[in-house]
Amino acid sequence: MPKTKTSNKPVRSFRLSGETLGQLEEMATLMGRSEGNIVEIALDRMYREEARFHRVLDPRAEYRITETKDNKEDQ
């Protein structure tokens, strides 16, 4: 069965600067992905980085933060 361009994801609207729109368009073109997918990837990467430094913690997250040697020495 061929894929369609419809999605079951909710629609969101954001106001972005011209610079951000240019970056979004460039990344979508370079990566061959939709602009929405680029936003999802960027947000996931940012969230994981924040979680790495314990600034956010979502118990529903599918990944786990593990102790590293550096973290243990700081405590």
C-alpha atoms as a PDB file:
ATOM      1  CA  MET A   1       0.000   0.000   0.000  1.00  0.00           C
ATOM      2  CA  PRO A   2       1.516   3.378  -0.956  1.00  0.00           C
ATOM      3  CA  LYS A   3       2.227   5.904   1.743  1.00  0.00           C
ATOM      4  CA  THR A   4       0.211   9.089   1.812  1.00  0.00           C
ATOM      5  CA  LYS A   5       1.232  12.502   3.060  1.00  0.00           C
ATOM      6  CA  THR A   6      -1.465  12.521   5.738  1.00  0.00           C
ATOM      7  CA  SER A   7      -0.536  12.202   9.386  1.00  0.00           C
ATOM      8  CA  ASN A   8      -2.274  11.423  12.631  1.00  0.00           C
ATOM      9  CA  LYS A   9      -0.103  13.955  14.462  1.00  0.00           C
ATOM     10  CA  PRO A  10      -1.712  17.099  15.884  1.00  0.00           C
ATOM     11  CA  VAL A  11      -1.023  20.364  14.077  1.00  0.00           C
ATOM     12  CA  ARG A  12       0.881  23.154  15.868  1.00  0.00           C
ATOM     13  CA  SER A  13       1.660  26.664  14.738  1.00  0.00           C
ATOM     14  CA  PHE A  14       4.739  28.702  15.682  1.00  0.00           C
ATOM     15  CA  ARG A  15       6.078  32.148  14.872  1.00  0.00           C
ATOM     16  CA  LEU A  16       9.717  31.865  13.849  1.00  0.00           C
ATOM     17  CA  SER A  17      12.287  34.471  12.885  1.00  0.00           C
ATOM     18  CA  GLY A  18      13.462  34.775   9.312  1.00  0.00           C
ATOM     19  CA  GLU A  19      16.842  33.367  10.311  1.00  0.00           C
ATOM     20  CA  THR A  20      15.235  30.335  11.951  1.00  0.00           C
ATOM     21  CA  LEU A  21      13.004  29.735   8.927  1.00  0.00           C
ATOM     22  CA  GLY A  22      16.071  29.825   6.675  1.00  0.00           C
ATOM     23  CA  GLN A  23      17.876  27.341   8.908  1.00  0.00           C
ATOM     24  CA  LEU A  24      14.818  25.092   8.971  1.00  0.00           C
ATOM     25  CA  GLU A  25      14.482  25.129   5.194  1.00  0.00           C
ATOM     26  CA  GLU A  26      18.204  24.475   4.721  1.00  0.00           C
ATOM     27  CA  MET A  27      18.241  21.537   7.156  1.00  0.00           C
ATOM     28  CA  ALA A  28      15.119  20.022   5.594  1.00  0.00           C
ATOM     29  CA  THR A  29      16.699  20.249   2.135  1.00  0.00           C
ATOM     30  CA  LEU A  30      20.092  18.897   3.237  1.00  0.00           C
ATOM     31  CA  MET A  31      18.595  16.023   5.234  1.00  0.00           C
ATOM     32  CA  GLY A  32      15.805  15.226   2.778  1.00  0.00           C
ATOM     33  CA  ARG A  33      13.194  15.450   5.529  1.00  0.00           C
ATOM     34  CA  SER A  34      10.106  17.527   6.195  1.00  0.00           C
ATOM     35  CA  GLU A  35      10.383  20.738   8.199  1.00  0.00           C
ATOM     36  CA  GLY A  36       8.169  19.185  10.875  1.00  0.00           C
ATOM     37  CA  ASN A  37      10.515  16.220  11.132  1.00  0.00           C
ATOM     38  CA  ILE A  38      13.501  18.566  11.490  1.00  0.00           C
ATOM     39  CA  VAL A  39      11.763  20.322  14.399  1.00  0.00           C
ATOM     40  CA  GLU A  40      11.082  16.920  16.037  1.00  0.00           C
ATOM     41  CA  ILE A  41      14.718  15.842  15.676  1.00  0.00           C
ATOM     42  CA  ALA A  42      16.062  19.161  16.982  1.00  0.00           C
ATOM     43  CA  LEU A  43      13.749  19.150  19.996  1.00  0.00           C
ATOM     44  CA  ASP A  44      14.606  15.530  20.803  1.00  0.00           C
ATOM     45  CA  ARG A  45      18.334  16.307  20.673  1.00  0.00           C
ATOM     46  CA  MET A  46      17.889  19.372  22.872  1.00  0.00           C
ATOM     47  CA  TYR A  47      15.742  17.449  25.364  1.00  0.00           C
ATOM     48  CA  ARG A  48      18.294  14.635  25.596  1.00  0.00           C
ATOM     49  CA  GLU A  49      21.072  17.183  26.198  1.00  0.00           C
ATOM     50  CA  GLU A  50      19.064  18.828  28.989  1.00  0.00           C
ATOM     51  CA  ALA A  51      18.283  15.415  30.506  1.00  0.00           C
ATOM     52  CA  ARG A  52      21.978  14.558  30.393  1.00  0.00           C
ATOM     53  CA  PHE A  53      22.667  17.440  32.764  1.00  0.00           C
ATOM     54  CA  HIS A  54      19.603  16.628  34.887  1.00  0.00           C
ATOM     55  CA  ARG A  55      17.803  19.852  33.998  1.00  0.00           C
ATOM     56  CA  VAL A  56      14.712  17.916  32.893  1.00  0.00           C
ATOM     57  CA  LEU A  57      13.499  14.477  33.831  1.00  0.00           C
ATOM     58  CA  ASP A  58      10.606  12.737  32.164  1.00  0.00           C
ATOM     59  CA  PRO A  59       9.713   9.368  33.713  1.00  0.00           C
ATOM     60  CA  ARG A  60       7.948   8.459  30.464  1.00  0.00           C
ATOM     61  CA  ALA A  61      11.184   8.792  28.464  1.00  0.00           C
ATOM     62  CA  GLU A  62      12.300   5.652  26.667  1.00  0.00           C
ATOM     63  CA  TYR A  63      15.939   6.233  27.533  1.00  0.00           C
ATOM     64  CA  ARG A  64      17.756   6.206  30.852  1.00  0.00           C
ATOM     65  CA  ILE A  65      20.419   8.502  32.254  1.00  0.00           C
ATOM     66  CA  THR A  66      23.295   6.497  33.675  1.00  0.00           C
ATOM     67  CA  GLU A  67      25.976   7.536  36.112  1.00  0.00           C
ATOM     68  CA  THR A  68      29.378   8.174  34.586  1.00  0.00           C
ATOM     69  CA  LYS A  69      32.765   8.116  36.237  1.00  0.00           C
ATOM     70  CA  ASP A  70      32.888  11.940  36.034  1.00  0.00           C
ATOM     71  CA  ASN A  71      29.505  12.308  37.768  1.00  0.00           C
ATOM     72  CA  LYS A  72      30.538  10.033  40.631  1.00  0.00           C
ATOM     73  CA  GLU A  73      33.753  11.977  41.253  1.00  0.00           C
ATOM     74  CA  ASP A  74      31.814  15.275  41.510  1.00  0.00           C
ATOM     75  CA  GLN A  75      29.605  13.997  44.320  1.00  0.00           C
END
